[in-house]
Amino acid sequence: MNRPVRGTLHHVEIRVPDLDRALASLGWLLRTLGYTVSQSWDTGRSRLLGPTYLVIEQSAALTADRHDRRRPVLNHLAFHTEDAAAVENLVAEAARHGWNLMFPEPHPYAGGEQHYAAYLENADGFEVELVAFTPPRPR
């Protein structure tokens, strides 16, 4: 059995105000990136890819109804994609699943000339970054 590399991410738990809305956006993205449903219960889902899993769970104990990445909190999750074409395909499909492209003017170089990526935000304020594993040559 291959053991996970020391220091790699084990899991992330994301608390959301509306599970159905989160599954429409985050669930779609994780499924598209290859995560499979590992567990399912009334207020949440767990999705697995290799040794890493992400939990999306609706919580009645939230102190706000929207994530604010500008507060002292986890800012965003960044996911590798195969290449620039995969980034663009995900961006094109994302709007149908509740995501908005952030920083559209400098897209896809909002992170700098050597960093081909898309930054998306959903209706609950969660941000994800989709990074081209094999970036194209700079413009």
N, C-alpha and C. Protein backbone atom coordinates (compact mmCIF):
# COMPACT_ATOMS: atom_id res chain seq x y z
N MET A 1 0.84 -1.18 0.00
CA MET A 1 0.00 0.00 0.00
C MET A 1 0.88 1.24 0.00
N ASN A 2 0.58 2.20 -0.88
CA ASN A 2 1.32 3.45 -0.92
C ASN A 2 0.81 4.38 0.17
N ARG A 3 1.71 4.84 0.99
CA ARG A 3 1.34 5.79 2.03
C ARG A 3 1.37 7.20 1.45
N PRO A 4 0.45 8.07 1.90
CA PRO A 4 0.50 9.46 1.45
C PRO A 4 1.83 10.09 1.86
N VAL A 5 2.30 11.02 1.07
CA VAL A 5 3.53 11.74 1.35
C VAL A 5 3.33 12.62 2.57
N ARG A 6 4.28 12.57 3.48
CA ARG A 6 4.21 13.38 4.70
C ARG A 6 4.00 14.85 4.34
N GLY A 7 3.02 15.46 4.98
CA GLY A 7 2.75 16.88 4.75
C GLY A 7 1.68 17.15 3.72
N THR A 8 1.28 16.14 2.95
CA THR A 8 0.21 16.38 1.98
C THR A 8 -1.12 16.52 2.71
N LEU A 9 -2.06 17.12 2.08
CA LEU A 9 -3.36 17.39 2.67
C LEU A 9 -4.15 16.11 2.89
N HIS A 10 -4.68 15.93 4.08
CA HIS A 10 -5.52 14.77 4.41
C HIS A 10 -6.97 15.05 4.05
N HIS A 11 -7.53 16.14 4.57
CA HIS A 11 -8.90 16.51 4.22
C HIS A 11 -9.17 17.98 4.51
N VAL A 12 -10.24 18.46 3.92
CA VAL A 12 -10.73 19.82 4.15
C VAL A 12 -12.22 19.71 4.43
N GLU A 13 -12.69 20.42 5.43
CA GLU A 13 -14.12 20.45 5.73
C GLU A 13 -14.62 21.86 5.46
N ILE A 14 -15.64 21.96 4.62
CA ILE A 14 -16.20 23.25 4.25
C ILE A 14 -17.62 23.33 4.79
N ARG A 15 -17.86 24.30 5.64
CA ARG A 15 -19.20 24.52 6.19
C ARG A 15 -19.92 25.52 5.29
N VAL A 16 -21.13 25.18 4.91
CA VAL A 16 -21.90 25.99 3.97
C VAL A 16 -23.28 26.32 4.55
N PRO A 17 -23.88 27.45 4.11
CA PRO A 17 -25.20 27.80 4.59
C PRO A 17 -26.33 27.03 3.89
N ASP A 18 -26.07 26.52 2.69
CA ASP A 18 -27.10 25.84 1.91
C ASP A 18 -26.46 24.67 1.17
N LEU A 19 -26.75 23.45 1.61
CA LEU A 19 -26.11 22.26 1.03
C LEU A 19 -26.45 22.09 -0.45
N ASP A 20 -27.70 22.25 -0.82
CA ASP A 20 -28.07 22.06 -2.22
C ASP A 20 -27.34 23.03 -3.13
N ARG A 21 -27.24 24.29 -2.72
CA ARG A 21 -26.54 25.30 -3.52
C ARG A 21 -25.05 24.95 -3.61
N ALA A 22 -24.47 24.49 -2.50
CA ALA A 22 -23.05 24.12 -2.49
C ALA A 22 -22.80 22.90 -3.37
N LEU A 23 -23.71 21.94 -3.34
CA LEU A 23 -23.53 20.75 -4.19
C LEU A 23 -23.65 21.10 -5.66
N ALA A 24 -24.47 22.10 -5.98
CA ALA A 24 -24.60 22.53 -7.38
C ALA A 24 -23.31 23.15 -7.90
N SER A 25 -22.57 23.85 -7.04
CA SER A 25 -21.32 24.49 -7.49
C SER A 25 -20.09 23.68 -7.08
N LEU A 26 -19.85 23.54 -5.80
CA LEU A 26 -18.69 22.79 -5.34
C LEU A 26 -18.77 21.32 -5.71
N GLY A 27 -19.96 20.72 -5.58
CA GLY A 27 -20.14 19.31 -5.94
C GLY A 27 -19.83 19.07 -7.40
N TRP A 28 -20.33 19.95 -8.27
CA TRP A 28 -20.05 19.84 -9.70
C TRP A 28 -18.55 19.92 -9.96
N LEU A 29 -17.88 20.91 -9.36
CA LEU A 29 -16.45 21.10 -9.60
C LEU A 29 -15.65 19.89 -9.13
N LEU A 30 -15.92 19.42 -7.94
CA LEU A 30 -15.17 18.27 -7.42
C LEU A 30 -15.40 17.04 -8.28
N ARG A 31 -16.63 16.80 -8.70
CA ARG A 31 -16.94 15.66 -9.57
C ARG A 31 -16.17 15.79 -10.90
N THR A 32 -16.16 16.99 -11.45
CA THR A 32 -15.47 17.23 -12.72
C THR A 32 -13.97 17.02 -12.59
N LEU A 33 -13.41 17.34 -11.43
CA LEU A 33 -11.98 17.16 -11.19
C LEU A 33 -11.61 15.72 -10.82
N GLY A 34 -12.61 14.85 -10.69
CA GLY A 34 -12.33 13.44 -10.45
C GLY A 34 -12.64 12.94 -9.05
N TYR A 35 -13.16 13.80 -8.19
CA TYR A 35 -13.55 13.36 -6.84
C TYR A 35 -14.83 12.53 -6.93
N THR A 36 -14.92 11.49 -6.13
CA THR A 36 -16.12 10.64 -6.09
C THR A 36 -16.75 10.75 -4.70
N VAL A 37 -18.06 10.54 -4.66
CA VAL A 37 -18.77 10.60 -3.38
C VAL A 37 -18.30 9.44 -2.52
N SER A 38 -17.85 9.75 -1.33
CA SER A 38 -17.37 8.75 -0.39
C SER A 38 -18.42 8.47 0.67
N GLN A 39 -19.03 9.54 1.18
CA GLN A 39 -20.09 9.41 2.18
C GLN A 39 -21.16 10.43 1.88
N SER A 40 -22.39 10.11 2.31
CA SER A 40 -23.52 11.00 2.09
C SER A 40 -24.43 10.93 3.31
N TRP A 41 -24.85 12.09 3.83
CA TRP A 41 -25.79 12.15 4.94
C TRP A 41 -26.68 13.36 4.72
N ASP A 42 -27.69 13.52 5.55
CA ASP A 42 -28.70 14.57 5.34
C ASP A 42 -28.11 15.96 5.18
N THR A 43 -27.08 16.27 5.93
CA THR A 43 -26.53 17.63 5.91
C THR A 43 -25.16 17.73 5.27
N GLY A 44 -24.71 16.67 4.58
CA GLY A 44 -23.38 16.78 3.99
C GLY A 44 -23.00 15.67 3.04
N ARG A 45 -21.85 15.88 2.41
CA ARG A 45 -21.25 14.91 1.50
C ARG A 45 -19.75 14.94 1.70
N SER A 46 -19.14 13.79 1.49
CA SER A 46 -17.69 13.68 1.49
C SER A 46 -17.29 13.18 0.12
N ARG A 47 -16.30 13.85 -0.49
CA ARG A 47 -15.81 13.46 -1.82
C ARG A 47 -14.34 13.14 -1.71
N LEU A 48 -13.92 12.09 -2.40
CA LEU A 48 -12.59 11.53 -2.26
C LEU A 48 -11.84 11.52 -3.60
N LEU A 49 -10.55 11.88 -3.55
CA LEU A 49 -9.64 11.75 -4.68
C LEU A 49 -8.31 11.30 -4.12
N GLY A 50 -7.91 10.07 -4.43
CA GLY A 50 -6.70 9.52 -3.82
C GLY A 50 -6.86 9.49 -2.32
N PRO A 51 -5.84 9.92 -1.58
CA PRO A 51 -5.94 9.89 -0.13
C PRO A 51 -6.60 11.14 0.47
N THR A 52 -7.00 12.08 -0.36
CA THR A 52 -7.54 13.35 0.11
C THR A 52 -9.05 13.38 -0.04
N TYR A 53 -9.72 13.88 0.99
CA TYR A 53 -11.16 14.04 0.86
C TYR A 53 -11.58 15.43 1.29
N LEU A 54 -12.69 15.88 0.71
CA LEU A 54 -13.29 17.16 1.04
C LEU A 54 -14.70 16.91 1.53
N VAL A 55 -15.05 17.56 2.63
CA VAL A 55 -16.38 17.46 3.20
C VAL A 55 -17.11 18.78 2.94
N ILE A 56 -18.32 18.68 2.44
CA ILE A 56 -19.20 19.84 2.28
C ILE A 56 -20.36 19.58 3.23
N GLU A 57 -20.53 20.47 4.22
CA GLU A 57 -21.55 20.22 5.23
C GLU A 57 -22.30 21.49 5.57
N GLN A 58 -23.63 21.37 5.58
CA GLN A 58 -24.47 22.48 6.00
C GLN A 58 -24.48 22.50 7.52
N SER A 59 -24.29 23.69 8.09
CA SER A 59 -24.23 23.80 9.55
C SER A 59 -25.19 24.86 10.03
N ALA A 60 -25.95 24.52 11.06
CA ALA A 60 -26.84 25.49 11.70
C ALA A 60 -26.06 26.42 12.64
N ALA A 61 -24.80 26.09 12.90
CA ALA A 61 -24.00 26.86 13.85
C ALA A 61 -23.17 27.97 13.19
N LEU A 62 -23.44 28.28 11.93
CA LEU A 62 -22.68 29.33 11.26
C LEU A 62 -22.99 30.69 11.87
N THR A 63 -22.00 31.57 11.88
CA THR A 63 -22.20 32.92 12.39
C THR A 63 -22.44 33.93 11.27
N ALA A 64 -22.39 33.47 10.02
CA ALA A 64 -22.66 34.33 8.87
C ALA A 64 -23.26 33.44 7.77
N ASP A 65 -23.90 34.07 6.80
CA ASP A 65 -24.51 33.29 5.73
C ASP A 65 -23.71 33.34 4.44
N ARG A 66 -22.51 33.93 4.50
CA ARG A 66 -21.65 34.05 3.33
C ARG A 66 -20.19 33.98 3.77
N HIS A 67 -19.39 33.26 3.02
CA HIS A 67 -17.95 33.17 3.26
C HIS A 67 -17.30 34.50 2.87
N ASP A 68 -16.38 34.98 3.67
CA ASP A 68 -15.65 36.22 3.34
C ASP A 68 -14.16 35.91 3.37
N ARG A 69 -13.57 35.73 2.20
CA ARG A 69 -12.17 35.35 2.09
C ARG A 69 -11.23 36.45 2.57
N ARG A 70 -11.75 37.65 2.82
CA ARG A 70 -10.89 38.75 3.27
C ARG A 70 -10.76 38.79 4.78
N ARG A 71 -11.53 37.98 5.49
CA ARG A 71 -11.40 37.88 6.95
C ARG A 71 -10.24 36.92 7.26
N PRO A 72 -9.82 36.86 8.51
CA PRO A 72 -8.80 35.88 8.88
C PRO A 72 -9.40 34.47 8.79
N VAL A 73 -9.27 33.88 7.64
CA VAL A 73 -9.89 32.59 7.34
C VAL A 73 -9.16 31.99 6.14
N LEU A 74 -9.42 30.74 5.86
CA LEU A 74 -8.88 30.15 4.63
C LEU A 74 -9.37 30.97 3.44
N ASN A 75 -8.48 31.44 2.61
CA ASN A 75 -8.85 32.28 1.48
C ASN A 75 -9.52 31.47 0.39
N HIS A 76 -8.85 30.44 -0.11
CA HIS A 76 -9.42 29.65 -1.20
C HIS A 76 -8.70 28.32 -1.32
N LEU A 77 -9.28 27.44 -2.12
CA LEU A 77 -8.65 26.17 -2.48
C LEU A 77 -8.16 26.28 -3.91
N ALA A 78 -7.00 25.74 -4.20
CA ALA A 78 -6.45 25.75 -5.56
C ALA A 78 -6.28 24.31 -6.02
N PHE A 79 -6.77 24.04 -7.23
CA PHE A 79 -6.73 22.69 -7.80
C PHE A 79 -5.92 22.68 -9.09
N HIS A 80 -5.07 21.67 -9.25
CA HIS A 80 -4.38 21.46 -10.52
C HIS A 80 -5.38 21.00 -11.57
N THR A 81 -5.18 21.44 -12.80
CA THR A 81 -5.87 20.89 -13.96
C THR A 81 -4.80 20.39 -14.91
N GLU A 82 -5.22 19.70 -15.96
CA GLU A 82 -4.24 19.12 -16.88
C GLU A 82 -3.43 20.19 -17.61
N ASP A 83 -4.13 21.21 -18.10
CA ASP A 83 -3.47 22.20 -18.94
C ASP A 83 -4.36 23.42 -19.10
N ALA A 84 -3.93 24.38 -19.92
CA ALA A 84 -4.69 25.62 -20.14
C ALA A 84 -6.06 25.34 -20.73
N ALA A 85 -6.15 24.38 -21.64
CA ALA A 85 -7.45 24.05 -22.24
C ALA A 85 -8.42 23.55 -21.18
N ALA A 86 -7.95 22.78 -20.23
CA ALA A 86 -8.81 22.29 -19.15
C ALA A 86 -9.30 23.45 -18.28
N VAL A 87 -8.42 24.41 -18.02
CA VAL A 87 -8.83 25.60 -17.26
C VAL A 87 -9.95 26.30 -18.00
N GLU A 88 -9.77 26.53 -19.28
CA GLU A 88 -10.78 27.26 -20.05
C GLU A 88 -12.09 26.48 -20.18
N ASN A 89 -12.01 25.17 -20.32
CA ASN A 89 -13.23 24.36 -20.38
C ASN A 89 -14.00 24.46 -19.07
N LEU A 90 -13.30 24.41 -17.96
CA LEU A 90 -13.95 24.54 -16.66
C LEU A 90 -14.58 25.91 -16.48
N VAL A 91 -13.88 26.95 -16.90
CA VAL A 91 -14.43 28.31 -16.81
C VAL A 91 -15.71 28.42 -17.63
N ALA A 92 -15.70 27.88 -18.83
CA ALA A 92 -16.88 27.95 -19.70
C ALA A 92 -18.06 27.23 -19.09
N GLU A 93 -17.83 26.12 -18.44
CA GLU A 93 -18.90 25.32 -17.84
C GLU A 93 -19.32 25.85 -16.47
N ALA A 94 -18.43 26.51 -15.76
CA ALA A 94 -18.65 26.90 -14.37
C ALA A 94 -19.86 27.81 -14.16
N ALA A 95 -20.10 28.72 -15.07
CA ALA A 95 -21.22 29.65 -14.91
C ALA A 95 -22.55 28.91 -14.81
N ARG A 96 -22.67 27.79 -15.47
CA ARG A 96 -23.91 27.00 -15.40
C ARG A 96 -24.07 26.28 -14.07
N HIS A 97 -23.04 26.35 -13.24
CA HIS A 97 -23.05 25.66 -11.96
C HIS A 97 -22.85 26.62 -10.79
N GLY A 98 -23.16 27.89 -11.00
CA GLY A 98 -23.14 28.86 -9.90
C GLY A 98 -21.84 29.58 -9.64
N TRP A 99 -20.89 29.49 -10.56
CA TRP A 99 -19.60 30.15 -10.38
C TRP A 99 -19.51 31.40 -11.24
N ASN A 100 -18.80 32.41 -10.73
CA ASN A 100 -18.49 33.62 -11.50
C ASN A 100 -16.98 33.73 -11.60
N LEU A 101 -16.51 34.14 -12.78
CA LEU A 101 -15.09 34.36 -12.99
C LEU A 101 -14.67 35.64 -12.28
N MET A 102 -13.69 35.54 -11.41
CA MET A 102 -13.13 36.71 -10.74
C MET A 102 -12.00 37.27 -11.61
N PHE A 103 -11.74 38.53 -11.50
CA PHE A 103 -10.63 39.18 -12.20
C PHE A 103 -10.67 38.89 -13.71
N PRO A 104 -11.80 39.16 -14.38
CA PRO A 104 -11.91 38.80 -15.80
C PRO A 104 -10.94 39.57 -16.72
N GLU A 105 -10.57 40.79 -16.36
CA GLU A 105 -9.68 41.57 -17.25
C GLU A 105 -8.30 40.94 -17.39
N PRO A 106 -7.64 40.55 -16.29
CA PRO A 106 -6.32 39.94 -16.47
C PRO A 106 -6.37 38.42 -16.69
N HIS A 107 -7.56 37.83 -16.69
CA HIS A 107 -7.68 36.38 -16.88
C HIS A 107 -7.03 35.98 -18.20
N PRO A 108 -6.28 34.94 -18.26
CA PRO A 108 -5.97 33.92 -17.26
C PRO A 108 -4.66 34.16 -16.52
N TYR A 109 -4.17 35.39 -16.57
CA TYR A 109 -2.89 35.69 -15.93
C TYR A 109 -3.06 36.59 -14.70
N ALA A 110 -4.18 36.47 -14.00
CA ALA A 110 -4.41 37.30 -12.81
C ALA A 110 -3.37 37.02 -11.73
N GLY A 111 -2.79 35.83 -11.73
CA GLY A 111 -1.76 35.48 -10.76
C GLY A 111 -0.35 35.80 -11.23
N GLY A 112 -0.21 36.41 -12.40
CA GLY A 112 1.10 36.75 -12.94
C GLY A 112 1.32 36.10 -14.30
N GLU A 113 2.27 36.61 -15.03
CA GLU A 113 2.53 36.17 -16.41
C GLU A 113 2.93 34.70 -16.52
N GLN A 114 3.51 34.12 -15.48
CA GLN A 114 3.95 32.73 -15.53
C GLN A 114 2.94 31.77 -14.90
N HIS A 115 1.76 32.28 -14.55
CA HIS A 115 0.78 31.49 -13.79
C HIS A 115 -0.57 31.51 -14.52
N TYR A 116 -0.85 30.45 -15.27
CA TYR A 116 -2.10 30.35 -16.02
C TYR A 116 -3.15 29.72 -15.12
N ALA A 117 -4.15 30.52 -14.75
CA ALA A 117 -5.15 30.03 -13.80
C ALA A 117 -6.45 30.80 -13.95
N ALA A 118 -7.52 30.24 -13.38
CA ALA A 118 -8.81 30.92 -13.29
C ALA A 118 -9.19 30.98 -11.82
N TYR A 119 -9.76 32.10 -11.43
CA TYR A 119 -10.24 32.29 -10.07
C TYR A 119 -11.76 32.39 -10.16
N LEU A 120 -12.45 31.50 -9.46
CA LEU A 120 -13.91 31.45 -9.50
C LEU A 120 -14.48 31.67 -8.10
N GLU A 121 -15.66 32.29 -8.03
CA GLU A 121 -16.35 32.48 -6.76
C GLU A 121 -17.79 32.04 -6.93
N ASN A 122 -18.32 31.32 -5.92
CA ASN A 122 -19.71 30.89 -6.00
C ASN A 122 -20.62 31.83 -5.21
N ALA A 123 -21.92 31.53 -5.21
CA ALA A 123 -22.91 32.41 -4.58
C ALA A 123 -22.70 32.57 -3.08
N ASP A 124 -22.03 31.62 -2.44
CA ASP A 124 -21.79 31.70 -1.00
C ASP A 124 -20.45 32.36 -0.68
N GLY A 125 -19.74 32.86 -1.71
CA GLY A 125 -18.49 33.57 -1.49
C GLY A 125 -17.25 32.71 -1.43
N PHE A 126 -17.38 31.41 -1.70
CA PHE A 126 -16.21 30.54 -1.70
C PHE A 126 -15.44 30.72 -3.01
N GLU A 127 -14.13 30.79 -2.89
CA GLU A 127 -13.26 30.96 -4.05
C GLU A 127 -12.45 29.70 -4.29
N VAL A 128 -12.32 29.34 -5.56
CA VAL A 128 -11.41 28.28 -5.97
C VAL A 128 -10.51 28.83 -7.06
N GLU A 129 -9.35 28.24 -7.16
CA GLU A 129 -8.39 28.59 -8.22
C GLU A 129 -8.13 27.31 -9.00
N LEU A 130 -8.21 27.41 -10.30
CA LEU A 130 -7.94 26.28 -11.19
C LEU A 130 -6.64 26.58 -11.92
N VAL A 131 -5.62 25.78 -11.66
CA VAL A 131 -4.27 26.06 -12.14
C VAL A 131 -3.89 25.08 -13.24
N ALA A 132 -3.37 25.59 -14.35
CA ALA A 132 -2.88 24.72 -15.42
C ALA A 132 -1.60 24.04 -14.95
N PHE A 133 -1.64 22.71 -14.90
CA PHE A 133 -0.46 21.95 -14.49
C PHE A 133 0.69 22.17 -15.46
N THR A 134 0.36 22.21 -16.74
CA THR A 134 1.35 22.51 -17.77
C THR A 134 0.96 23.83 -18.39
N PRO A 135 1.48 24.93 -17.86
CA PRO A 135 1.06 26.24 -18.37
C PRO A 135 1.58 26.49 -19.80
N PRO A 136 0.82 27.28 -20.55
CA PRO A 136 1.31 27.65 -21.88
C PRO A 136 2.44 28.65 -21.75
N ARG A 137 3.06 28.93 -22.85
CA ARG A 137 4.11 29.96 -22.85
C ARG A 137 3.48 31.31 -22.53
N PRO A 138 4.22 32.20 -21.85
CA PRO A 138 3.69 33.53 -21.54
C PRO A 138 3.31 34.27 -22.81
N ARG A 139 2.37 35.17 -22.65
CA ARG A 139 1.89 35.98 -23.78
C ARG A 139 2.98 36.87 -24.31
